[in-house]
Amino acid sequence: MRKTAAEIETVAEMRACIDAVDAKLMALLAERWSYTERAAELKHREGLAAAAPSRVAAVLENVSGRAEAAGLPGAMVAGMWKIMIDEIIAREERVLGKEGTDG
């Protein structure tokens, strides 16, 4: 059974737990990335632009709210997501160009 943060007794044990969480996060980020790769294909087919400012705003608002509900700083999490989204949009624009609609 996994220990809670309060139950951890040593820095080494704490670091091992953080590393385990990081591995799980990487798996989830890889899954998310795969969806964004498919999104570029679908956007191309549907004539949508890589950048959808209204969608970006909605995602950032959503993750900020979820972060705060989980006891995390919403602005920090939204900032992390913004970096990820900017990279995804840049990748999509290299494939799709900057044409299309904000779907």
C-alpha atoms as a PDB file:
ATOM      1  CA  MET A   1       0.000   0.000   0.000  1.00  0.00           C
ATOM      2  CA  ARG A   2       1.307   3.434  -0.905  1.00  0.00           C
ATOM      3  CA  LYS A   3       2.126   5.808   1.930  1.00  0.00           C
ATOM      4  CA  THR A   4       0.720   9.292   2.226  1.00  0.00           C
ATOM      5  CA  ALA A   5       3.155  12.202   2.283  1.00  0.00           C
ATOM      6  CA  ALA A   6       2.642  12.499   6.058  1.00  0.00           C
ATOM      7  CA  GLU A   7       3.685   8.858   6.559  1.00  0.00           C
ATOM      8  CA  ILE A   8       7.025   9.164   4.767  1.00  0.00           C
ATOM      9  CA  GLU A   9       9.992   9.033   7.138  1.00  0.00           C
ATOM     10  CA  THR A  10      13.038   9.838   4.978  1.00  0.00           C
ATOM     11  CA  VAL A  11      14.053  12.097   2.121  1.00  0.00           C
ATOM     12  CA  ALA A  12      15.074   9.020   0.101  1.00  0.00           C
ATOM     13  CA  GLU A  13      11.624   7.499   0.535  1.00  0.00           C
ATOM     14  CA  MET A  14       9.986  10.806  -0.375  1.00  0.00           C
ATOM     15  CA  ARG A  15      12.118  11.091  -3.520  1.00  0.00           C
ATOM     16  CA  ALA A  16      11.195   7.545  -4.546  1.00  0.00           C
ATOM     17  CA  CYS A  17       7.517   8.416  -4.194  1.00  0.00           C
ATOM     18  CA  ILE A  18       7.955  11.586  -6.243  1.00  0.00           C
ATOM     19  CA  ASP A  19       9.798   9.607  -8.933  1.00  0.00           C
ATOM     20  CA  ALA A  20       6.939   7.094  -9.038  1.00  0.00           C
ATOM     21  CA  VAL A  21       4.386   9.887  -9.452  1.00  0.00           C
ATOM     22  CA  ASP A  22       6.558  11.465 -12.173  1.00  0.00           C
ATOM     23  CA  ALA A  23       6.538   8.156 -14.077  1.00  0.00           C
ATOM     24  CA  LYS A  24       2.742   8.053 -13.909  1.00  0.00           C
ATOM     25  CA  LEU A  25       2.540  11.672 -15.050  1.00  0.00           C
ATOM     26  CA  MET A  26       4.788  10.902 -18.043  1.00  0.00           C
ATOM     27  CA  ALA A  27       2.488   8.066 -19.078  1.00  0.00           C
ATOM     28  CA  LEU A  28      -0.523  10.377 -18.876  1.00  0.00           C
ATOM     29  CA  LEU A  29       1.264  13.150 -20.756  1.00  0.00           C
ATOM     30  CA  ALA A  30       2.234  10.667 -23.471  1.00  0.00           C
ATOM     31  CA  GLU A  31      -1.411   9.622 -23.765  1.00  0.00           C
ATOM     32  CA  ARG A  32      -2.489  13.277 -23.991  1.00  0.00           C
ATOM     33  CA  TRP A  33       0.213  13.921 -26.614  1.00  0.00           C
ATOM     34  CA  SER A  34      -1.124  11.064 -28.754  1.00  0.00           C
ATOM     35  CA  TYR A  35      -4.551  12.710 -28.785  1.00  0.00           C
ATOM     36  CA  THR A  36      -3.049  16.005 -29.889  1.00  0.00           C
ATOM     37  CA  GLU A  37      -1.235  14.251 -32.732  1.00  0.00           C
ATOM     38  CA  ARG A  38      -4.599  12.915 -33.910  1.00  0.00           C
ATOM     39  CA  ALA A  39      -6.137  16.357 -33.414  1.00  0.00           C
ATOM     40  CA  ALA A  40      -3.850  17.781 -36.106  1.00  0.00           C
ATOM     41  CA  GLU A  41      -5.129  15.195 -38.589  1.00  0.00           C
ATOM     42  CA  LEU A  42      -8.757  15.877 -37.691  1.00  0.00           C
ATOM     43  CA  LYS A  43      -8.290  19.650 -37.787  1.00  0.00           C
ATOM     44  CA  HIS A  44      -6.798  19.360 -41.276  1.00  0.00           C
ATOM     45  CA  ARG A  45      -9.729  17.261 -42.471  1.00  0.00           C
ATOM     46  CA  GLU A  46     -12.267  19.669 -40.963  1.00  0.00           C
ATOM     47  CA  GLY A  47     -10.523  22.848 -42.152  1.00  0.00           C
ATOM     48  CA  LEU A  48      -9.743  24.076 -38.652  1.00  0.00           C
ATOM     49  CA  ALA A  49      -6.739  26.168 -37.688  1.00  0.00           C
ATOM     50  CA  ALA A  50      -4.066  24.744 -35.420  1.00  0.00           C
ATOM     51  CA  ALA A  51      -4.629  27.624 -32.987  1.00  0.00           C
ATOM     52  CA  ALA A  52      -8.091  27.937 -31.462  1.00  0.00           C
ATOM     53  CA  PRO A  53      -7.851  30.802 -28.947  1.00  0.00           C
ATOM     54  CA  SER A  54     -11.318  30.191 -27.508  1.00  0.00           C
ATOM     55  CA  ARG A  55     -10.470  26.512 -26.909  1.00  0.00           C
ATOM     56  CA  VAL A  56      -7.116  27.419 -25.332  1.00  0.00           C
ATOM     57  CA  ALA A  57      -8.859  29.844 -22.971  1.00  0.00           C
ATOM     58  CA  ALA A  58     -11.437  27.208 -22.017  1.00  0.00           C
ATOM     59  CA  VAL A  59      -8.764  24.566 -21.350  1.00  0.00           C
ATOM     60  CA  LEU A  60      -6.696  26.945 -19.228  1.00  0.00           C
ATOM     61  CA  GLU A  61      -9.739  28.010 -17.220  1.00  0.00           C
ATOM     62  CA  ASN A  62     -10.722  24.368 -16.737  1.00  0.00           C
ATOM     63  CA  VAL A  63      -7.301  23.196 -15.536  1.00  0.00           C
ATOM     64  CA  SER A  64      -6.940  26.205 -13.274  1.00  0.00           C
ATOM     65  CA  GLY A  65     -10.267  25.454 -11.612  1.00  0.00           C
ATOM     66  CA  ARG A  66      -9.505  21.756 -11.277  1.00  0.00           C
ATOM     67  CA  ALA A  67      -6.101  22.540  -9.828  1.00  0.00           C
ATOM     68  CA  GLU A  68      -7.563  24.862  -7.217  1.00  0.00           C
ATOM     69  CA  ALA A  69     -10.217  22.281  -6.335  1.00  0.00           C
ATOM     70  CA  ALA A  70      -7.384  19.797  -5.763  1.00  0.00           C
ATOM     71  CA  GLY A  71      -5.500  22.238  -3.517  1.00  0.00           C
ATOM     72  CA  LEU A  72      -2.938  23.302  -6.133  1.00  0.00           C
ATOM     73  CA  PRO A  73      -2.133  26.840  -7.308  1.00  0.00           C
ATOM     74  CA  GLY A  74      -4.369  27.347 -10.329  1.00  0.00           C
ATOM     75  CA  ALA A  75      -2.076  29.912 -11.950  1.00  0.00           C
ATOM     76  CA  MET A  76       0.908  27.569 -11.730  1.00  0.00           C
ATOM     77  CA  VAL A  77      -0.953  24.675 -13.334  1.00  0.00           C
ATOM     78  CA  ALA A  78      -2.433  26.930 -16.029  1.00  0.00           C
ATOM     79  CA  GLY A  79       1.091  28.188 -16.748  1.00  0.00           C
ATOM     80  CA  MET A  80       2.351  24.632 -17.166  1.00  0.00           C
ATOM     81  CA  TRP A  81      -0.538  23.833 -19.488  1.00  0.00           C
ATOM     82  CA  LYS A  82       0.087  27.008 -21.489  1.00  0.00           C
ATOM     83  CA  ILE A  83       3.653  25.867 -22.202  1.00  0.00           C
ATOM     84  CA  MET A  84       2.362  22.482 -23.325  1.00  0.00           C
ATOM     85  CA  ILE A  85      -0.413  23.979 -25.454  1.00  0.00           C
ATOM     86  CA  ASP A  86       1.959  26.462 -27.095  1.00  0.00           C
ATOM     87  CA  GLU A  87       4.265  23.600 -28.101  1.00  0.00           C
ATOM     88  CA  ILE A  88       1.355  21.566 -29.460  1.00  0.00           C
ATOM     89  CA  ILE A  89       0.050  24.504 -31.487  1.00  0.00           C
ATOM     90  CA  ALA A  90       3.534  25.187 -32.871  1.00  0.00           C
ATOM     91  CA  ARG A  91       3.812  21.546 -33.941  1.00  0.00           C
ATOM     92  CA  GLU A  92       0.355  21.646 -35.541  1.00  0.00           C
ATOM     93  CA  GLU A  93       1.158  24.897 -37.363  1.00  0.00           C
ATOM     94  CA  ARG A  94       4.278  23.290 -38.850  1.00  0.00           C
ATOM     95  CA  VAL A  95       1.991  20.587 -40.261  1.00  0.00           C
ATOM     96  CA  LEU A  96      -1.188  22.544 -41.018  1.00  0.00           C
ATOM     97  CA  GLY A  97      -0.009  26.108 -41.485  1.00  0.00           C
ATOM     98  CA  LYS A  98      -1.913  28.952 -39.867  1.00  0.00           C
ATOM     99  CA  GLU A  99      -5.047  28.807 -42.027  1.00  0.00           C
ATOM    100  CA  GLY A 100      -8.478  27.580 -40.976  1.00  0.00           C
ATOM    101  CA  THR A 101     -11.198  28.536 -38.544  1.00  0.00           C
ATOM    102  CA  ASP A 102     -11.274  28.701 -34.735  1.00  0.00           C
ATOM    103  CA  GLY A 103     -13.474  25.639 -34.253  1.00  0.00           C
END
